[in-house]
Protein backbone atom coordinates (compact mmCIF):
# COMPACT_ATOMS: atom_id res chain seq x y z
CA MET A 1 -0.01 -0.18 0.28
CA SER A 2 2.54 2.15 0.36
CA TRP A 3 3.07 3.28 -3.70
CA PHE A 4 -0.78 3.98 -2.97
CA ILE A 5 -0.20 6.20 -0.02
CA ALA A 6 2.66 8.15 -2.61
CA VAL A 7 -0.06 8.31 -5.26
CA LEU A 8 -2.49 10.52 -3.18
CA ALA A 9 0.64 12.20 -1.58
CA ALA A 10 2.06 12.97 -5.40
CA LEU A 11 -1.84 14.52 -5.99
CA GLY A 12 -1.92 16.41 -2.63
CA ALA A 13 1.46 18.07 -4.32
CA TYR A 14 -0.44 18.70 -7.60
CA PHE A 15 -3.46 20.08 -5.95
CA LEU A 16 -1.88 22.50 -3.80
CA SER A 17 0.03 23.98 -6.54
CA ALA A 18 -2.84 24.05 -8.59
CA GLY A 19 -3.73 26.03 -5.78
CA ALA A 20 -1.06 28.52 -5.18
CA VAL A 21 -1.28 28.84 -9.51
CA LEU A 22 -4.78 30.30 -9.50
CA THR A 23 -4.76 32.16 -6.43
CA LEU A 24 -1.93 33.90 -7.64
CA LEU A 25 -2.34 34.41 -11.90
CA MET A 26 -6.49 34.17 -11.49
CA PRO A 27 -6.98 37.89 -10.63
CA LEU A 28 -4.25 38.44 -13.29
CA GLN A 29 -5.64 36.44 -15.86
CA TYR A 30 -6.57 39.07 -18.91
CA SER A 31 -2.70 40.26 -18.38
CA LEU A 32 -1.24 37.39 -19.60
CA PRO A 33 -0.06 36.30 -22.80
CA MET A 34 -2.40 33.93 -24.84
CA PHE A 35 -2.53 31.15 -27.11
CA GLY A 36 -3.81 31.10 -29.75
CA THR A 37 -5.55 34.17 -31.64
CA ILE A 38 -7.99 36.49 -30.44
CA ASP A 39 -11.10 35.14 -31.57
CA TYR A 40 -10.22 31.40 -30.29
CA GLY A 41 -7.22 31.74 -27.79
CA HIS A 42 -8.15 32.16 -23.87
CA PRO A 43 -6.09 33.13 -21.14
CA LEU A 44 -7.52 30.16 -18.86
CA VAL A 45 -5.36 28.13 -21.43
CA THR A 46 -1.93 30.06 -20.50
CA VAL A 47 -2.74 29.66 -16.45
CA LEU A 48 -3.82 25.97 -17.53
CA ALA A 49 -0.16 25.17 -19.07
CA ILE A 50 1.03 26.70 -15.67
CA ILE A 51 -0.61 24.53 -13.28
CA THR A 52 0.12 21.22 -15.93
CA ALA A 53 4.06 22.67 -16.11
CA LEU A 54 4.36 23.00 -11.92
CA GLY A 55 1.63 20.55 -10.68
CA GLY A 56 2.95 17.77 -12.53
CA ALA A 57 7.27 18.28 -11.38
CA ALA A 58 5.86 18.21 -8.15
CA ALA A 59 3.34 15.11 -8.48
CA ALA A 60 6.44 13.21 -10.48
CA ALA A 61 8.54 14.22 -7.79
CA VAL A 62 6.72 13.22 -4.86
CA ALA A 63 5.50 9.79 -6.74
CA SER A 64 9.27 8.95 -7.54
CA SER A 65 10.53 9.95 -4.03
CA PHE A 66 8.20 7.96 -2.10
CA GLY A 67 6.60 4.93 -4.03
CA GLY A 68 9.60 4.52 -7.14
CA VAL A 69 8.35 3.72 -10.35
CA ARG A 70 5.31 2.22 -9.70
CA ALA A 71 3.71 5.26 -7.96
CA LEU A 72 5.24 6.98 -11.04
CA LEU A 73 3.71 4.94 -13.39
CA ALA A 74 0.42 5.75 -11.89
CA ILE A 75 0.67 9.40 -11.86
CA ALA A 76 1.69 9.51 -16.04
CA VAL A 77 -1.52 6.76 -16.21
CA LEU A 78 -3.97 9.48 -14.69
CA TRP A 79 -2.58 12.00 -16.34
CA LEU A 80 -3.05 10.50 -19.52
CA ALA A 81 -6.85 9.49 -18.63
CA GLY A 82 -7.37 13.36 -18.17
CA ALA A 83 -5.09 14.27 -20.95
CA ALA A 84 -7.05 12.36 -23.08
CA SER A 85 -10.44 13.33 -21.90
CA VAL A 86 -9.66 17.43 -22.53
CA ILE A 87 -8.12 16.52 -26.30
CA ALA A 88 -10.73 13.62 -27.07
CA PRO A 89 -13.90 16.09 -28.18
CA PHE A 90 -11.62 17.78 -30.50
CA VAL A 91 -10.24 15.05 -32.24
CA ALA A 92 -14.00 14.21 -33.12
CA GLU A 93 -14.69 17.46 -34.49
CA GLY A 94 -11.78 16.86 -37.64
CA PRO A 95 -9.08 19.14 -38.68
CA ARG A 96 -11.65 22.40 -38.76
CA ALA A 97 -10.60 22.47 -35.07
CA TRP A 98 -7.90 22.53 -35.42
CA ILE A 99 -6.79 24.57 -38.45
CA PRO A 100 -7.34 28.59 -38.09
CA PRO A 101 -9.36 30.11 -40.90
CA SER A 102 -8.25 31.34 -43.49
CA ASP A 103 -8.24 35.22 -42.27
CA LEU A 104 -6.93 34.17 -39.09
CA SER A 105 -3.48 32.99 -37.81
CA GLY A 106 -2.01 31.51 -34.90
CA LEU A 107 -3.28 28.11 -32.52
CA MET A 108 -6.41 27.11 -32.55
CA THR A 109 -7.96 26.31 -28.50
CA ALA A 110 -7.12 22.72 -29.32
CA THR A 111 -3.79 22.84 -30.82
CA ALA A 112 -2.97 25.49 -27.15
CA LEU A 113 -4.96 22.59 -25.46
CA THR A 114 -2.64 20.07 -26.61
CA ILE A 115 0.45 21.45 -25.70
CA SER A 116 -0.34 22.49 -22.10
CA GLU A 117 -1.41 19.03 -21.67
CA LEU A 118 1.70 18.04 -23.75
CA ILE A 119 3.55 19.90 -20.72
CA ALA A 120 3.19 17.60 -18.30
CA LEU A 121 5.40 15.64 -20.64
CA PRO A 122 8.90 17.39 -19.98
CA ALA A 123 7.64 18.56 -16.30
CA MET A 124 6.89 14.58 -15.09
CA LEU A 125 10.98 13.99 -16.11
CA ALA A 126 12.33 16.71 -14.31
CA GLY A 127 10.45 16.11 -11.42
CA ALA A 128 11.97 12.57 -11.69
CA LEU A 129 14.79 13.43 -12.05
CA LEU A 130 15.00 15.61 -9.10
CA ALA A 131 13.55 13.55 -6.67
CA LYS A 132 16.46 11.08 -7.04
CA ARG A 133 18.35 13.06 -4.85
CA TYR A 134 15.89 12.73 -2.28
CA ARG A 135 14.63 9.27 -3.25
CA ARG A 136 12.83 7.77 0.12
CA VAL A 137 10.94 5.18 -1.23
CA GLY A 138 9.21 3.43 1.96
CA ALA A 139 9.49 6.07 3.65
CA SER A 140 6.22 7.73 4.54
CA PRO A 141 4.98 10.95 2.79
CA PRO A 142 4.26 14.15 4.86
CA ASP A 143 0.75 14.24 5.99
CA LEU A 144 -0.30 17.07 4.49
CA LEU A 145 0.20 16.17 1.24
CA VAL A 146 -1.69 12.74 1.69
CA VAL A 147 -4.29 14.39 3.27
CA ALA A 148 -4.48 16.82 0.57
CA GLY A 149 -4.20 14.30 -2.16
CA ALA A 150 -7.30 12.48 -0.72
CA TYR A 151 -9.37 15.58 -0.79
CA TYR A 152 -8.48 16.18 -4.24
CA VAL A 153 -9.77 12.86 -5.40
CA ALA A 154 -12.72 13.23 -3.51
CA ALA A 155 -13.86 16.40 -5.11
CA LEU A 156 -12.77 14.96 -8.44
CA LEU A 157 -14.92 12.34 -8.30
CA MET A 158 -17.88 14.19 -7.39
CA ALA A 159 -17.27 16.28 -10.46
CA LEU A 160 -16.67 13.22 -12.54
CA ALA A 161 -21.07 13.10 -12.85
CA THR A 162 -21.30 16.79 -14.17
CA PRO A 163 -20.57 18.46 -17.20
CA ARG A 164 -17.06 20.06 -17.17
CA LEU A 165 -14.51 21.97 -19.45
CA ASP A 166 -11.46 20.84 -18.03
CA PRO A 167 -10.70 18.45 -15.33
CA ARG A 168 -7.84 20.86 -14.48
CA LEU A 169 -10.90 23.48 -13.53
CA THR A 170 -13.01 21.80 -11.82
CA LEU A 171 -14.20 20.87 -8.34
CA PRO A 172 -12.90 22.01 -5.31
CA PHE A 173 -11.64 24.94 -7.41
CA THR A 174 -15.02 25.92 -9.04
CA ALA A 175 -16.95 25.14 -5.11
CA GLY A 176 -16.94 28.70 -4.77
CA TYR A 177 -19.72 29.23 -7.96
CA LEU A 178 -22.34 26.85 -6.30
CA PRO A 179 -25.43 27.55 -4.11
CA ALA A 180 -24.76 27.46 -0.18
CA ASP A 181 -26.37 23.67 0.29
CA TRP A 182 -24.26 22.19 -2.54
CA HIS A 183 -21.40 24.34 -1.44
CA ALA A 184 -21.50 22.67 2.11
CA LEU A 185 -22.26 19.34 0.64
CA VAL A 186 -18.77 19.11 -1.96
CA THR A 187 -16.99 20.65 1.73
CA ALA A 188 -17.86 17.84 4.07
CA VAL A 189 -17.14 14.62 1.43
CA PRO A 190 -14.00 15.37 1.11
CA GLY A 191 -13.17 17.03 4.29
CA PHE A 192 -14.34 13.69 6.56
CA VAL A 193 -12.67 11.71 3.20
CA ALA A 194 -9.71 13.14 4.01
CA GLY A 195 -9.27 12.57 7.72
CA VAL A 196 -9.83 9.12 6.95
CA PHE A 197 -5.77 9.04 5.54
CA VAL A 198 -4.72 11.74 8.39
CA ALA A 199 -2.02 10.27 11.29
CA PRO A 200 -3.90 8.83 13.96
CA VAL A 201 -4.89 11.99 16.16
CA GLY A 202 -3.40 10.86 19.53
CA ALA A 203 -2.27 13.60 22.11
CA ARG A 204 -1.78 16.32 19.40
CA ALA A 205 -4.95 16.60 18.31
CA TRP A 206 -4.58 20.37 16.73
CA ARG A 207 -2.24 19.10 13.94
CA PRO A 208 -4.80 16.86 11.45
CA ALA A 209 -7.30 19.92 12.32
CA ALA A 210 -4.37 22.54 11.29
CA ILE A 211 -3.86 20.11 7.98
CA GLY A 212 -7.41 20.11 7.39
CA ALA A 213 -7.62 24.16 7.61
CA VAL A 214 -4.81 24.31 5.26
CA VAL A 215 -5.69 21.80 2.60
CA GLY A 216 -9.16 23.80 2.84
CA LEU A 217 -7.78 27.00 2.36
CA ALA A 218 -5.90 26.02 -0.83
CA GLY A 219 -9.11 24.62 -2.28
CA ALA A 220 -11.09 28.04 -1.26
CA VAL A 221 -8.78 30.67 -2.38
CA PRO A 222 -8.18 30.37 -5.66
CA ILE A 223 -11.90 31.32 -6.28
CA GLU A 224 -12.65 33.61 -3.57
CA LEU A 225 -9.67 35.92 -3.83
CA ALA A 226 -10.60 36.99 -7.45
CA ALA A 227 -14.48 37.44 -6.30
CA LEU A 228 -13.02 39.70 -3.47
CA SER A 229 -10.52 41.82 -6.05
CA SER A 230 -13.53 42.34 -8.56
CA PRO A 231 -14.63 45.89 -8.72
CA ILE A 232 -17.78 45.02 -10.03
CA ARG A 233 -19.66 44.46 -6.45
CA PRO A 234 -18.20 44.24 -2.80
CA TYR A 235 -17.87 40.64 -1.33
CA TRP A 236 -17.56 38.88 2.04
CA PRO A 237 -15.14 36.18 1.42
CA VAL A 238 -16.94 33.93 3.71
CA SER A 239 -15.35 30.92 2.40
CA LEU A 240 -12.04 32.22 3.37
CA VAL A 241 -13.00 31.56 6.34
CA GLY A 242 -16.10 28.88 7.02
CA VAL A 243 -14.19 26.51 4.83
CA PRO A 244 -10.72 26.28 6.15
CA LEU A 245 -12.86 26.18 9.59
CA ALA A 246 -15.48 23.55 8.40
CA THR A 247 -12.84 21.35 6.55
CA ALA A 248 -10.44 21.00 9.67
CA ALA A 249 -13.96 19.98 11.92
CA LEU A 250 -14.21 17.15 9.32
CA VAL A 251 -10.49 16.27 9.09
CA MET A 252 -10.72 15.85 12.56
CA ALA A 253 -14.28 13.83 12.65
CA GLY A 254 -12.72 11.63 9.46
CA ALA A 255 -9.66 10.90 11.85
CA TRP A 256 -11.44 9.93 14.84
CA LEU A 257 -13.89 7.69 12.88
CA ARG A 258 -11.39 5.77 11.43
CA ASP A 259 -9.44 5.47 14.48
CA GLY A 260 -12.36 4.01 16.44
CA LEU A 261 -13.06 1.20 13.74
CA THR A 262 -9.63 0.42 13.67
CA LYS A 263 -9.27 0.09 17.41
CA ALA A 264 -12.91 -1.68 17.43
CA SER A 265 -12.80 -5.85 16.72
CA TRP A 266 -16.70 -5.70 15.74
CA PRO A 267 -15.95 -4.66 11.89
CA ARG A 268 -13.73 -7.93 11.16
CA ARG A 269 -16.00 -10.12 12.93
CA VAL A 270 -18.80 -9.01 10.49
CA LEU A 271 -16.86 -8.55 7.49
CA SER A 272 -15.37 -11.74 8.15
CA GLY A 273 -18.22 -13.84 6.99
CA PRO A 274 -19.27 -14.61 3.18
CA ALA A 275 -22.53 -13.69 3.24
CA THR A 276 -21.95 -9.98 5.58
CA ALA A 277 -19.40 -9.24 3.41
CA ALA A 278 -20.95 -9.67 0.29
CA PHE A 279 -23.87 -7.51 1.95
CA ALA A 280 -21.70 -4.88 3.02
CA GLY A 281 -20.47 -4.67 -1.13
CA ALA A 282 -24.02 -4.76 -2.58
CA ALA A 283 -24.92 -2.05 0.39
CA GLY A 284 -21.28 -0.06 -0.86
CA ALA A 285 -22.42 -0.47 -4.39
CA VAL A 286 -25.91 0.66 -4.14
CA LEU A 287 -24.67 3.60 -1.99
CA ALA A 288 -22.05 4.69 -4.95
CA ILE A 289 -25.01 4.80 -7.78
CA ALA A 290 -27.07 7.28 -5.14
CA ALA A 291 -23.68 9.08 -5.13
CA TRP A 292 -23.67 9.53 -8.85
CA ALA A 293 -27.54 10.06 -9.71
CA LEU A 294 -26.87 12.45 -6.46
CA PHE A 295 -24.19 14.73 -8.16
CA ALA A 296 -25.21 14.66 -11.64
CA ALA A 297 -28.06 17.11 -10.10
CA MET A 298 -25.07 18.87 -8.80
CA PRO A 299 -25.39 22.95 -10.00
CA THR A 300 -22.27 23.60 -12.71
CA PRO A 301 -21.39 26.83 -13.70
CA TYR A 302 -23.22 26.11 -16.92
CA ASP A 303 -26.37 26.07 -15.65
CA GLN A 304 -28.97 28.98 -16.47
CA VAL A 305 -32.57 30.00 -16.32
CA GLY A 306 -33.75 30.30 -19.44
CA SER A 307 -36.10 33.25 -20.32
CA VAL A 308 -39.83 32.27 -20.74
CA ARG A 309 -40.97 34.14 -24.19
CA ALA A 310 -44.90 33.29 -24.35
CA TYR A 311 -46.84 30.16 -23.02
CA GLN A 312 -49.89 28.44 -23.64
CA ARG A 313 -53.03 26.99 -22.12
CA THR A 314 -53.94 23.44 -22.24
CA GLY A 315 -56.88 21.19 -21.45
CA ASP A 316 -56.11 20.37 -17.97
CA GLU A 317 -55.62 24.39 -16.35
CA ARG A 318 -53.06 23.09 -14.09
CA LYS A 319 -50.50 22.57 -16.74
CA ILE A 320 -49.61 25.18 -19.29
CA VAL A 321 -46.71 25.02 -21.94
CA THR A 322 -44.11 27.83 -22.03
CA CYS A 323 -42.27 28.74 -24.86
CA LEU A 324 -38.14 29.69 -24.82
CA ILE A 325 -35.47 30.91 -26.91
CA THR A 326 -32.31 28.45 -26.38
CA GLY A 327 -29.03 27.82 -28.19
CA ARG A 328 -28.30 24.78 -30.14
CA GLY A 329 -26.87 21.95 -27.83
CA ASP A 330 -29.01 23.28 -24.37
CA GLU A 331 -30.20 20.11 -21.88
CA LEU A 332 -33.57 20.87 -20.29
CA ARG A 333 -32.80 20.21 -16.12
CA GLY A 334 -36.01 21.19 -15.32
CA SER A 335 -39.37 23.44 -13.97
CA SER A 336 -40.47 25.40 -11.14
CA THR A 337 -43.62 27.50 -10.27
CA ARG A 338 -43.72 30.20 -7.64
CA GLU A 339 -47.90 30.70 -7.20
CA ASP A 340 -49.48 33.31 -5.35
CA GLN A 341 -53.40 34.64 -5.31
CA ALA A 342 -51.95 36.89 -8.16
CA THR A 343 -49.74 35.46 -10.12
CA VAL A 344 -47.22 33.00 -11.39
CA THR A 345 -43.24 32.85 -11.30
CA VAL A 346 -42.23 30.09 -13.94
CA THR A 347 -38.69 29.35 -14.30
CA VAL A 348 -36.93 27.12 -16.16
CA ARG A 349 -33.66 25.44 -15.80
CA LEU A 350 -31.06 24.81 -18.89
CA ARG A 351 -27.35 23.36 -18.97
CA ARG A 352 -25.74 24.63 -21.85
CA ALA A 353 -22.76 22.15 -22.90
CA PRO A 354 -18.59 23.13 -21.68
CA SER A 355 -17.08 24.61 -24.76
CA TRP A 356 -14.09 26.44 -25.32
CA TYR A 357 -15.82 28.47 -28.22
CA PHE A 358 -18.37 31.39 -28.16
CA SER A 359 -21.96 30.18 -27.66
CA ASP A 360 -24.59 29.30 -30.25
CA LEU A 361 -26.91 31.95 -30.33
CA VAL A 362 -29.23 30.28 -32.82
CA GLY A 363 -32.62 30.90 -31.60
CA ILE A 364 -34.22 27.60 -31.29
CA SER A 365 -38.05 27.72 -30.00
CA LEU A 366 -38.78 24.99 -27.36
CA PRO A 367 -41.76 24.12 -25.66
CA VAL A 368 -41.83 23.51 -22.03
CA VAL A 369 -44.67 21.54 -20.35
CA VAL A 370 -45.12 23.29 -16.76
CA VAL A 371 -47.03 22.01 -14.24
CA LEU A 372 -48.98 24.12 -11.76
CA ARG A 373 -50.22 23.43 -8.11
CA ASP A 374 -53.52 25.26 -8.30
CA PRO A 375 -55.08 25.89 -11.39
CA LEU A 376 -54.16 29.35 -13.85
CA GLY A 377 -57.29 31.08 -13.97
CA SER A 378 -57.21 34.94 -14.47
CA ARG A 379 -53.70 35.11 -13.07
CA THR A 380 -50.76 36.69 -14.61
CA VAL A 381 -47.39 34.45 -15.65
CA LEU A 382 -44.01 36.03 -14.57
CA ASP A 383 -40.83 34.91 -15.90
CA GLN A 384 -38.73 34.04 -13.01
CA GLY A 385 -35.37 35.79 -15.24
CA THR A 386 -36.56 38.93 -16.25
CA GLY A 387 -39.85 39.75 -14.09
CA GLN A 388 -41.97 40.66 -16.72
CA PRO A 389 -45.39 39.04 -17.64
CA VAL A 390 -45.50 36.56 -20.03
CA ARG A 391 -47.82 36.42 -23.03
CA GLU A 392 -50.01 33.90 -23.86
CA VAL A 393 -50.51 32.56 -26.90
CA SER A 394 -54.29 31.35 -28.01
CA SER A 395 -54.95 27.75 -27.56
CA THR A 396 -56.51 27.37 -31.11
CA ALA A 397 -53.72 29.01 -32.56
CA GLY A 398 -52.29 25.45 -32.62
CA GLY A 399 -48.22 24.88 -31.35
CA PHE A 400 -45.08 27.44 -31.21
CA ALA A 401 -44.43 27.77 -34.69
CA TYR A 402 -42.02 30.52 -32.70
CA CYS A 403 -42.08 32.16 -29.64
């Protein structure tokens, strides 16, 4: 298991490096040089290239130092899987994703992102060569790196159920965009998992708490600092205090639970029987499926509220058909209403597929059936996004040709 702990520590080194780079560069991203042309480039590609270079070198150095060749190969395989998930969509698009139009020059986004991923190869080689001077295969890596790696892996697994632009820019760094309840959940789960991998608490209870606070701060600072430095509106950085404190408490809770279960004899007795072991495995599988379904419903930065342009009554007074204008590829996520005696406020949620390109502005009429709590009657239908009344289309006009 020593190589597995070394892999976790290497991922922790990557996570802490990425957090440091995002903290320093996100407020300055639009001052950085861009890969590609002004139409297809994006400053985030430059930030991701720096994250990959520094994080890849740090991960390779830690993996090689504490886990040897096996841990280093595991890190290389994980990098290859992440790079493939970034590049594969562009490969499916064919040459038009790689070759710029005749009136533009420079690198297309696909090429720039591929370069930002390939930077990891010389970076990991440099990290592995550097690790030869400090090779400690078999020794325990620093607790901070192991806890950070467990925290990062748990957050990344939670993010796999939802669309993402790039696996290098996802949870926990994007948790600040979530509503408060979801933000609390994506803080709680990784923090508790990280506590399972911290060293035994013993008499120094402050140590795992301090490690948890540092790890929580590393995930919260990048987005919070960028929002804090924004001149658009005043902002109170609640997460800069709340997330480290919550993570410290959760790491302590996870460590205490693990220590208690390790000392107890009943878990070994329960799992020693074939029937109970099979039941525990089935329960674990059900829990994993339920967790996947839960996190698939998690909001993302690509969710938006659709603009309701018109509505039509149906034969059922508790159902109306609303009409929205959407872009190509927008996914319907559901609808809800807020009703009172005079109005019905309609909210329709859409999800746009993550893309490095500009959004498709083609207007497509999308009819959506909305269920009401009470009959519509003479109440006014309002659009949640604008707060304005929605015009009614007579049912004798047939279906919506357009909104």
